[in-house]
């Protein structure tokens, strides 16, 4: 999704796809960087959606993670943005 970074919300660690999105957006990860994240999902009717949320980057050892704001979760129909 344009301007957002892929993130698997089941974990805190950024995935390879997350890091690729950051690179494509020209963003260098840094502590405290606020970002918008998305993952693929579906609504109750089975329509494809993006699950979206905001979060902040932090580092543990050599790995980047995101702390997601639980109040920021929302869904967007993929057909509305693709």
N, C-alpha and C. Protein backbone atom coordinates (compact mmCIF):
# COMPACT_ATOMS: atom_id res chain seq x y z
N UNK A 1 0.85 -1.17 0.00
CA UNK A 1 0.00 0.00 0.00
C UNK A 1 0.90 1.23 0.00
N UNK A 2 0.62 2.15 -0.84
CA UNK A 2 1.47 3.32 -1.07
C UNK A 2 1.71 4.12 0.23
N UNK A 3 2.99 4.38 0.53
CA UNK A 3 3.35 5.18 1.69
C UNK A 3 3.37 4.44 3.00
N UNK A 4 2.99 3.17 2.99
CA UNK A 4 2.98 2.35 4.20
C UNK A 4 3.99 1.23 4.07
N UNK A 5 4.31 0.63 5.20
CA UNK A 5 5.30 -0.43 5.27
C UNK A 5 4.61 -1.74 5.64
N UNK A 6 4.90 -2.80 4.88
CA UNK A 6 4.33 -4.11 5.20
C UNK A 6 4.77 -4.52 6.59
N UNK A 7 3.85 -5.13 7.36
CA UNK A 7 4.16 -5.58 8.71
C UNK A 7 3.24 -6.74 9.06
N UNK A 8 3.84 -7.81 9.57
CA UNK A 8 3.05 -8.95 10.05
C UNK A 8 2.69 -8.66 11.49
N UNK A 9 1.42 -8.31 11.76
CA UNK A 9 1.00 -7.86 13.08
C UNK A 9 1.07 -8.94 14.15
N UNK A 10 1.33 -10.19 13.77
CA UNK A 10 1.47 -11.26 14.76
C UNK A 10 2.79 -11.23 15.49
N UNK A 11 3.73 -10.39 15.06
CA UNK A 11 5.06 -10.29 15.66
C UNK A 11 5.43 -8.83 15.82
N UNK A 12 6.56 -8.56 16.47
CA UNK A 12 7.03 -7.18 16.57
C UNK A 12 8.19 -6.92 15.63
N UNK A 13 8.88 -7.97 15.20
CA UNK A 13 10.07 -7.81 14.36
C UNK A 13 9.69 -7.49 12.92
N UNK A 14 10.41 -6.55 12.32
CA UNK A 14 10.21 -6.25 10.91
C UNK A 14 10.68 -7.43 10.07
N UNK A 15 9.93 -7.73 9.04
CA UNK A 15 10.26 -8.83 8.14
C UNK A 15 11.11 -8.32 6.98
N UNK A 16 11.54 -9.25 6.14
CA UNK A 16 12.27 -8.89 4.93
C UNK A 16 11.41 -7.95 4.07
N UNK A 17 10.11 -8.25 3.97
CA UNK A 17 9.20 -7.40 3.20
C UNK A 17 9.10 -6.00 3.78
N UNK A 18 9.12 -5.89 5.11
CA UNK A 18 9.10 -4.58 5.76
C UNK A 18 10.33 -3.77 5.39
N UNK A 19 11.49 -4.42 5.47
CA UNK A 19 12.74 -3.74 5.16
C UNK A 19 12.82 -3.35 3.70
N UNK A 20 12.26 -4.18 2.80
CA UNK A 20 12.21 -3.83 1.37
C UNK A 20 11.34 -2.60 1.15
N UNK A 21 10.18 -2.55 1.83
CA UNK A 21 9.30 -1.38 1.70
C UNK A 21 10.00 -0.11 2.17
N UNK A 22 10.72 -0.20 3.30
CA UNK A 22 11.45 0.97 3.78
C UNK A 22 12.46 1.44 2.74
N UNK A 23 13.17 0.50 2.14
CA UNK A 23 14.16 0.85 1.11
C UNK A 23 13.49 1.50 -0.09
N UNK A 24 12.36 0.92 -0.55
CA UNK A 24 11.64 1.49 -1.70
C UNK A 24 11.16 2.91 -1.42
N UNK A 25 10.80 3.16 -0.16
CA UNK A 25 10.32 4.49 0.23
C UNK A 25 11.46 5.46 0.53
N UNK A 26 12.70 4.96 0.49
CA UNK A 26 13.85 5.81 0.77
C UNK A 26 14.00 6.15 2.24
N UNK A 27 13.50 5.27 3.11
CA UNK A 27 13.52 5.51 4.55
C UNK A 27 14.60 4.65 5.21
N UNK A 28 15.45 5.29 5.98
CA UNK A 28 16.44 4.58 6.78
C UNK A 28 15.86 4.37 8.17
N UNK A 29 15.79 3.11 8.64
CA UNK A 29 15.22 2.88 9.98
C UNK A 29 16.03 3.59 11.06
N UNK A 30 15.32 4.13 12.06
CA UNK A 30 15.98 4.74 13.20
C UNK A 30 15.04 4.67 14.40
N UNK A 31 15.63 4.66 15.58
CA UNK A 31 14.86 4.60 16.83
C UNK A 31 13.81 5.71 16.86
N UNK A 32 12.59 5.34 17.23
CA UNK A 32 11.53 6.33 17.42
C UNK A 32 10.85 6.80 16.15
N UNK A 33 11.24 6.28 14.99
CA UNK A 33 10.62 6.69 13.73
C UNK A 33 9.17 6.19 13.68
N UNK A 34 8.23 7.10 13.52
CA UNK A 34 6.81 6.77 13.43
C UNK A 34 6.47 6.43 11.99
N UNK A 35 5.77 5.31 11.80
CA UNK A 35 5.40 4.85 10.46
C UNK A 35 3.97 4.33 10.44
N UNK A 36 3.43 4.23 9.23
CA UNK A 36 2.14 3.56 9.02
C UNK A 36 2.45 2.18 8.45
N UNK A 37 1.79 1.15 9.00
CA UNK A 37 2.01 -0.23 8.60
C UNK A 37 0.73 -0.84 8.05
N UNK A 38 0.89 -1.91 7.25
CA UNK A 38 -0.27 -2.61 6.71
C UNK A 38 0.03 -4.11 6.61
N UNK A 39 -1.03 -4.90 6.59
CA UNK A 39 -0.95 -6.33 6.32
C UNK A 39 -2.18 -6.69 5.50
N UNK A 40 -2.11 -7.80 4.80
CA UNK A 40 -3.24 -8.27 4.01
C UNK A 40 -4.24 -8.93 4.93
N UNK A 41 -5.53 -8.69 4.68
CA UNK A 41 -6.59 -9.21 5.53
C UNK A 41 -7.85 -9.35 4.70
N UNK A 42 -8.94 -9.70 5.34
CA UNK A 42 -10.26 -9.76 4.68
C UNK A 42 -11.31 -9.36 5.71
N UNK A 43 -12.40 -8.76 5.23
CA UNK A 43 -13.47 -8.39 6.15
C UNK A 43 -14.42 -9.55 6.36
N UNK A 44 -15.50 -9.31 7.09
CA UNK A 44 -16.47 -10.37 7.43
C UNK A 44 -17.13 -10.99 6.20
N UNK A 45 -17.20 -10.24 5.11
CA UNK A 45 -17.79 -10.75 3.87
C UNK A 45 -16.75 -11.42 2.98
N UNK A 46 -15.51 -11.49 3.44
CA UNK A 46 -14.46 -12.12 2.66
C UNK A 46 -13.81 -11.21 1.63
N UNK A 47 -14.18 -9.92 1.64
CA UNK A 47 -13.58 -8.98 0.69
C UNK A 47 -12.15 -8.66 1.12
N UNK A 48 -11.22 -8.60 0.16
CA UNK A 48 -9.82 -8.30 0.50
C UNK A 48 -9.68 -6.90 1.09
N UNK A 49 -9.00 -6.82 2.21
CA UNK A 49 -8.74 -5.54 2.86
C UNK A 49 -7.27 -5.44 3.23
N UNK A 50 -6.87 -4.24 3.63
CA UNK A 50 -5.60 -4.01 4.29
C UNK A 50 -5.91 -3.74 5.75
N UNK A 51 -5.23 -4.43 6.64
CA UNK A 51 -5.29 -4.10 8.06
C UNK A 51 -4.18 -3.09 8.28
N UNK A 52 -4.52 -1.93 8.82
CA UNK A 52 -3.57 -0.83 8.94
C UNK A 52 -3.44 -0.39 10.39
N UNK A 53 -2.26 0.13 10.74
CA UNK A 53 -2.03 0.67 12.08
C UNK A 53 -0.77 1.54 12.04
N UNK A 54 -0.63 2.35 13.06
CA UNK A 54 0.56 3.20 13.22
C UNK A 54 1.46 2.60 14.28
N UNK A 55 2.75 2.85 14.14
CA UNK A 55 3.70 2.34 15.12
C UNK A 55 5.00 3.11 15.10
N UNK A 56 5.88 2.73 16.01
CA UNK A 56 7.17 3.38 16.17
C UNK A 56 8.27 2.32 16.16
N UNK A 57 9.35 2.60 15.44
CA UNK A 57 10.46 1.65 15.36
C UNK A 57 11.33 1.69 16.60
N UNK A 58 11.85 0.50 16.94
CA UNK A 58 12.87 0.38 17.98
C UNK A 58 13.76 -0.79 17.61
N UNK A 59 14.93 -0.82 18.21
CA UNK A 59 15.92 -1.84 17.86
C UNK A 59 16.20 -2.72 19.06
N UNK A 60 16.27 -4.03 18.81
CA UNK A 60 16.71 -5.00 19.81
C UNK A 60 17.86 -5.75 19.18
N UNK A 61 19.06 -5.54 19.68
CA UNK A 61 20.24 -6.15 19.08
C UNK A 61 20.40 -5.66 17.66
N UNK A 62 20.45 -6.59 16.72
CA UNK A 62 20.61 -6.25 15.30
C UNK A 62 19.27 -6.17 14.56
N UNK A 63 18.15 -6.42 15.24
CA UNK A 63 16.84 -6.50 14.61
C UNK A 63 16.00 -5.26 14.87
N UNK A 64 15.28 -4.84 13.83
CA UNK A 64 14.33 -3.73 13.96
C UNK A 64 12.96 -4.29 14.30
N UNK A 65 12.26 -3.60 15.18
CA UNK A 65 10.92 -3.98 15.62
C UNK A 65 10.02 -2.75 15.56
N UNK A 66 8.73 -2.99 15.68
CA UNK A 66 7.77 -1.88 15.74
C UNK A 66 6.84 -2.08 16.92
N UNK A 67 6.64 -1.01 17.65
CA UNK A 67 5.63 -0.99 18.71
C UNK A 67 4.38 -0.37 18.09
N UNK A 68 3.34 -1.18 17.96
CA UNK A 68 2.12 -0.75 17.29
C UNK A 68 1.16 -0.13 18.30
N UNK A 69 0.55 0.98 17.91
CA UNK A 69 -0.47 1.62 18.73
C UNK A 69 -1.76 0.83 18.56
N UNK A 70 -2.22 0.13 19.61
CA UNK A 70 -3.42 -0.71 19.46
C UNK A 70 -4.68 0.08 19.13
N UNK A 71 -4.71 1.36 19.44
CA UNK A 71 -5.89 2.18 19.15
C UNK A 71 -5.92 2.67 17.70
N UNK A 72 -4.85 2.40 16.94
CA UNK A 72 -4.78 2.92 15.57
C UNK A 72 -5.25 1.91 14.51
N UNK A 73 -5.60 0.69 14.90
CA UNK A 73 -6.00 -0.32 13.92
C UNK A 73 -7.26 0.09 13.17
N UNK A 74 -7.22 -0.12 11.86
CA UNK A 74 -8.39 0.08 11.01
C UNK A 74 -8.20 -0.72 9.72
N UNK A 75 -9.28 -0.97 9.01
CA UNK A 75 -9.23 -1.71 7.75
C UNK A 75 -9.63 -0.81 6.60
N UNK A 76 -9.03 -1.08 5.44
CA UNK A 76 -9.36 -0.37 4.21
C UNK A 76 -9.56 -1.42 3.13
N UNK A 77 -10.66 -1.33 2.40
CA UNK A 77 -10.88 -2.24 1.28
C UNK A 77 -9.77 -2.06 0.26
N UNK A 78 -9.18 -3.15 -0.20
CA UNK A 78 -8.10 -3.03 -1.19
C UNK A 78 -8.60 -2.40 -2.47
N UNK A 79 -9.85 -2.65 -2.83
CA UNK A 79 -10.40 -2.08 -4.06
C UNK A 79 -10.48 -0.56 -4.01
N UNK A 80 -10.45 0.02 -2.81
CA UNK A 80 -10.51 1.47 -2.67
C UNK A 80 -9.16 2.14 -2.89
N UNK A 81 -8.06 1.37 -2.80
CA UNK A 81 -6.74 1.99 -2.92
C UNK A 81 -5.87 1.37 -4.00
N UNK A 82 -6.21 0.23 -4.51
CA UNK A 82 -5.39 -0.42 -5.56
C UNK A 82 -5.83 -0.02 -6.95
